[in-house]
Amino acid sequence: MTTRIARDLGSVNPRANGDQRLYRLSPPLERGGHEYVVASAVIPWLGGGPETMIFPSTETGHVDDYEDLAVVYELNHEAAVHELGYEVIVDDEVIEGESFEARREIEA
């Protein structure tokens, strides 16, 4: 079985509603052949709970197709990427579903 890796390329789209991170998928996603995706963690303006959705993107993080590829109902980029079947790599370290809120606390 081929190891499926999503390399975290960092934050993108600072003006977007929510926190967005860009990932490079290796191998590309079978469904649609997408090599780059954006994970967008938001609490919707119109109510509802938190969610993180995955969208296909360009290598710069531009999203022009908002049909989600995966969704989890928490603010957790890595968990959404795991829904696609990929392990997340940050600086050659595997991340196991750690939420971006916990990561911000560590970075602060």
Protein backbone atom coordinates (compact mmCIF):
# COMPACT_ATOMS: atom_id res chain seq x y z
CA MET A 1 0.00 0.00 0.00
CA THR A 2 1.29 3.45 -0.96
CA THR A 3 1.80 5.93 1.88
CA ARG A 4 -0.37 8.97 1.32
CA ILE A 5 1.26 12.16 2.58
CA ALA A 6 -0.13 15.70 2.87
CA ARG A 7 2.68 18.21 3.38
CA ASP A 8 1.52 21.27 5.35
CA LEU A 9 2.74 24.30 3.37
CA GLY A 10 1.46 26.85 5.87
CA SER A 11 -1.27 29.43 6.25
CA VAL A 12 -2.86 31.01 3.18
CA ASN A 13 -5.60 33.51 2.35
CA PRO A 14 -5.30 35.75 5.44
CA ARG A 15 -8.44 37.72 4.47
CA ALA A 16 -10.61 34.60 4.38
CA ASN A 17 -13.23 33.92 7.00
CA GLY A 18 -11.51 31.40 9.27
CA ASP A 19 -8.08 29.83 9.33
CA GLN A 20 -6.87 28.31 6.04
CA ARG A 21 -3.86 26.04 5.45
CA LEU A 22 -2.42 24.77 2.17
CA TYR A 23 -1.43 21.11 1.69
CA ARG A 24 0.39 19.31 -1.12
CA LEU A 25 -0.89 15.76 -1.58
CA SER A 26 1.40 12.91 -2.60
CA PRO A 27 0.18 11.06 -4.51
CA PRO A 28 -2.48 13.45 -5.85
CA LEU A 29 -6.05 12.76 -4.80
CA GLU A 30 -7.54 9.95 -6.89
CA ARG A 31 -10.87 11.76 -7.15
CA GLY A 32 -10.13 14.69 -9.48
CA GLY A 33 -6.33 14.37 -9.47
CA HIS A 34 -5.89 17.32 -7.09
CA GLU A 35 -2.31 17.83 -5.91
CA TYR A 36 -3.04 20.90 -3.75
CA VAL A 37 -5.89 21.45 -1.31
CA VAL A 38 -6.86 24.09 1.24
CA ALA A 39 -8.24 23.15 4.65
CA SER A 40 -10.54 25.90 5.91
CA ALA A 41 -11.50 25.91 9.62
CA VAL A 42 -14.45 28.20 10.38
CA ILE A 43 -17.35 28.90 12.67
CA PRO A 44 -20.11 29.87 10.20
CA TRP A 45 -21.50 33.41 10.49
CA LEU A 46 -25.08 32.19 10.24
CA GLY A 47 -24.81 29.86 13.19
CA GLY A 48 -24.05 26.21 13.54
CA GLY A 49 -21.00 24.61 15.01
CA PRO A 50 -17.37 24.73 13.96
CA GLU A 51 -16.28 22.90 10.81
CA THR A 52 -13.17 22.30 8.76
CA MET A 53 -13.61 21.67 5.05
CA ILE A 54 -11.15 20.66 2.34
CA PHE A 55 -11.30 22.32 -1.09
CA PRO A 56 -9.20 21.76 -4.22
CA SER A 57 -6.78 24.64 -4.84
CA THR A 58 -3.87 25.89 -6.88
CA GLU A 59 -0.29 25.66 -5.61
CA THR A 60 -0.69 29.20 -4.20
CA GLY A 61 -3.85 28.33 -2.25
CA HIS A 62 -6.39 29.91 -4.59
CA VAL A 63 -9.73 28.11 -4.32
CA ASP A 64 -12.09 28.40 -7.28
CA ASP A 65 -14.18 25.26 -6.64
CA TYR A 66 -15.99 25.32 -3.31
CA GLU A 67 -17.40 21.80 -3.51
CA ASP A 68 -15.87 20.29 -0.39
CA LEU A 69 -13.75 17.14 -0.69
CA ALA A 70 -14.01 16.37 3.04
CA VAL A 71 -15.52 17.91 6.16
CA VAL A 72 -15.18 17.41 9.92
CA TYR A 73 -17.28 19.19 12.50
CA GLU A 74 -14.48 20.67 14.59
CA LEU A 75 -11.72 23.25 14.06
CA ASN A 76 -9.05 20.75 13.05
CA HIS A 77 -7.17 20.94 9.75
CA GLU A 78 -5.35 17.66 10.25
CA ALA A 79 -8.52 15.72 11.04
CA ALA A 80 -10.07 16.96 7.79
CA VAL A 81 -6.97 15.93 5.83
CA HIS A 82 -7.13 12.50 7.52
CA GLU A 83 -10.70 12.19 6.18
CA LEU A 84 -9.12 12.24 2.71
CA GLY A 85 -6.87 9.34 3.76
CA TYR A 86 -3.60 11.26 4.11
CA GLU A 87 -1.07 11.63 6.94
CA VAL A 88 -0.03 15.22 7.59
CA ILE A 89 3.66 16.14 7.52
CA VAL A 90 5.01 19.42 8.93
CA ASP A 91 8.77 19.92 8.65
CA ASP A 92 9.20 16.13 8.21
CA GLU A 93 7.18 15.37 11.38
CA VAL A 94 3.88 13.45 11.27
CA ILE A 95 1.03 15.33 12.96
CA GLU A 96 -1.80 13.25 14.43
CA GLY A 97 -4.93 15.42 14.22
CA GLU A 98 -3.74 18.22 16.50
CA SER A 99 -6.10 21.19 16.33
CA PHE A 100 -4.82 24.55 15.13
CA GLU A 101 -5.90 26.08 18.46
CA ALA A 102 -3.53 23.73 20.34
CA ARG A 103 -0.75 24.47 17.83
CA ARG A 104 -1.23 28.24 18.33
CA GLU A 105 -0.89 27.80 22.09
CA ILE A 106 2.38 25.93 21.58
CA GLU A 107 3.70 28.53 19.10
CA ALA A 108 2.77 31.48 21.38
